[in-house]
Amino acid sequence: MARGETFEAGELTDTSFYILLTLQQARHGYLIMQKIEELTNGKVSIGPASMYTTIKKLLNAGLIKQYGEGSGKRKTYIATASGVHLLKRDIKRRESMLAHAKLIFNEEGEQ
């Protein structure tokens, strides 16, 4: 599946997942990056180029919107109802994948 088709298929990339997750509250780009690093204890770090490319895709898909006026480079974004719905669906999908992995490892006697 091509990367551009993931939203239509109801799936999120890890970058999209974390950006949507942090945009449950309105944030601008730098705060999005900070929140993701804080949330993951530094295990996930999204650079500006990846973040703004993903933000543009999320905006075009109607999954986030600009919040307020935003001045210059400090544009603030927030998840839309569609974005929250897709995020919750993707969480269920990921939980199911994890359950399958646990089942396989338990069957094989691994932890």
Protein backbone atom coordinates (compact mmCIF):
# COMPACT_ATOMS: atom_id res chain seq x y z
CA MET A 1 0.00 0.00 0.00
CA ALA A 2 1.40 3.41 -0.94
CA ARG A 3 2.00 5.81 1.92
CA GLY A 4 -0.56 8.31 0.62
CA GLU A 5 -3.29 5.69 0.82
CA THR A 6 -2.95 4.97 4.53
CA PHE A 7 -5.54 7.52 5.68
CA GLU A 8 -8.10 6.19 3.21
CA ALA A 9 -7.41 2.66 4.46
CA GLY A 10 -7.97 3.79 8.06
CA GLU A 11 -4.34 3.39 9.08
CA LEU A 12 -1.84 5.88 10.41
CA THR A 13 1.91 5.94 10.14
CA ASP A 14 3.69 6.21 13.48
CA THR A 15 4.43 9.89 12.77
CA SER A 16 0.77 10.62 11.95
CA PHE A 17 -0.33 8.65 15.00
CA TYR A 18 1.80 10.67 17.41
CA ILE A 19 0.96 14.01 15.82
CA LEU A 20 -2.78 13.29 15.97
CA LEU A 21 -2.44 12.03 19.52
CA THR A 22 -0.71 15.21 20.68
CA LEU A 23 -3.24 17.37 18.85
CA GLN A 24 -6.04 16.42 21.21
CA GLN A 25 -5.07 19.85 22.55
CA ALA A 26 -4.16 22.77 20.30
CA ARG A 27 -0.39 23.01 19.76
CA HIS A 28 2.05 24.60 17.36
CA GLY A 29 4.86 22.66 15.69
CA TYR A 30 7.57 23.01 18.30
CA LEU A 31 5.17 22.02 21.10
CA ILE A 32 4.05 18.99 19.07
CA MET A 33 7.67 17.80 18.78
CA GLN A 34 8.30 18.45 22.49
CA LYS A 35 5.15 16.61 23.59
CA ILE A 36 5.98 13.55 21.47
CA GLU A 37 9.48 13.36 22.95
CA GLU A 38 8.09 13.84 26.47
CA LEU A 39 5.34 11.26 25.95
CA THR A 40 7.80 8.64 24.65
CA ASN A 41 10.63 9.45 27.07
CA GLY A 42 12.77 10.49 24.11
CA LYS A 43 12.31 7.22 22.22
CA VAL A 44 10.42 8.93 19.38
CA SER A 45 11.73 12.12 17.89
CA ILE A 46 10.13 13.69 14.84
CA GLY A 47 12.15 16.25 12.94
CA PRO A 48 10.67 19.45 11.53
CA ALA A 49 10.66 18.31 7.88
CA SER A 50 8.79 15.07 8.65
CA MET A 51 6.44 16.82 11.01
CA TYR A 52 5.44 19.62 8.64
CA THR A 53 5.08 17.22 5.70
CA THR A 54 2.78 15.05 7.85
CA ILE A 55 0.87 18.09 9.13
CA LYS A 56 0.21 19.13 5.52
CA LYS A 57 -1.13 15.62 4.74
CA LEU A 58 -3.29 15.60 7.88
CA LEU A 59 -4.67 19.04 6.98
CA ASN A 60 -5.45 17.96 3.40
CA ALA A 61 -7.20 14.84 4.70
CA GLY A 62 -9.31 16.91 7.11
CA LEU A 63 -7.90 15.10 10.15
CA ILE A 64 -6.54 18.28 11.74
CA LYS A 65 -7.28 21.96 11.26
CA GLN A 66 -5.58 25.23 12.01
CA TYR A 67 -6.67 26.56 15.38
CA GLY A 68 -7.09 30.30 15.72
CA GLU A 69 -5.37 32.87 13.59
CA GLY A 70 -1.76 31.76 13.98
CA SER A 71 0.84 34.34 13.20
CA GLY A 72 3.76 33.76 10.86
CA LYS A 73 5.53 30.50 11.60
CA ARG A 74 3.59 29.78 14.81
CA LYS A 75 0.52 28.13 13.38
CA THR A 76 -1.46 26.13 15.90
CA TYR A 77 -3.32 22.95 15.01
CA ILE A 78 -5.91 20.70 16.62
CA ALA A 79 -7.44 17.34 15.67
CA THR A 80 -10.84 17.36 14.00
CA ALA A 81 -13.65 14.96 14.90
CA SER A 82 -12.63 12.88 11.85
CA GLY A 83 -9.04 12.84 13.10
CA VAL A 84 -10.08 11.67 16.57
CA HIS A 85 -12.29 8.97 15.04
CA LEU A 86 -9.47 7.68 12.81
CA LEU A 87 -7.01 7.78 15.73
CA LYS A 88 -9.34 5.68 17.90
CA ARG A 89 -9.84 3.19 15.05
CA ASP A 90 -6.09 2.96 14.55
CA ILE A 91 -5.55 2.37 18.28
CA LYS A 92 -7.97 -0.60 18.11
CA ARG A 93 -6.13 -1.91 15.04
CA ARG A 94 -2.78 -1.65 16.82
CA GLU A 95 -4.19 -3.34 19.96
CA SER A 96 -5.41 -6.20 17.79
CA MET A 97 -1.99 -6.54 16.16
CA LEU A 98 -0.36 -6.62 19.59
CA ALA A 99 -2.81 -9.28 20.79
CA HIS A 100 -1.94 -11.42 17.75
CA ALA A 101 1.79 -11.06 18.46
CA LYS A 102 1.29 -12.00 22.14
CA LEU A 103 -0.75 -15.02 21.10
CA ILE A 104 1.99 -16.24 18.76
CA PHE A 105 4.76 -15.70 21.29
CA ASN A 106 2.74 -17.40 24.05
CA GLU A 107 2.06 -20.37 21.77
CA GLU A 108 5.78 -20.68 21.12
CA GLY A 109 6.63 -20.40 24.81
CA GLU A 110 8.39 -17.05 24.50
CA GLN A 111 7.83 -13.91 26.50
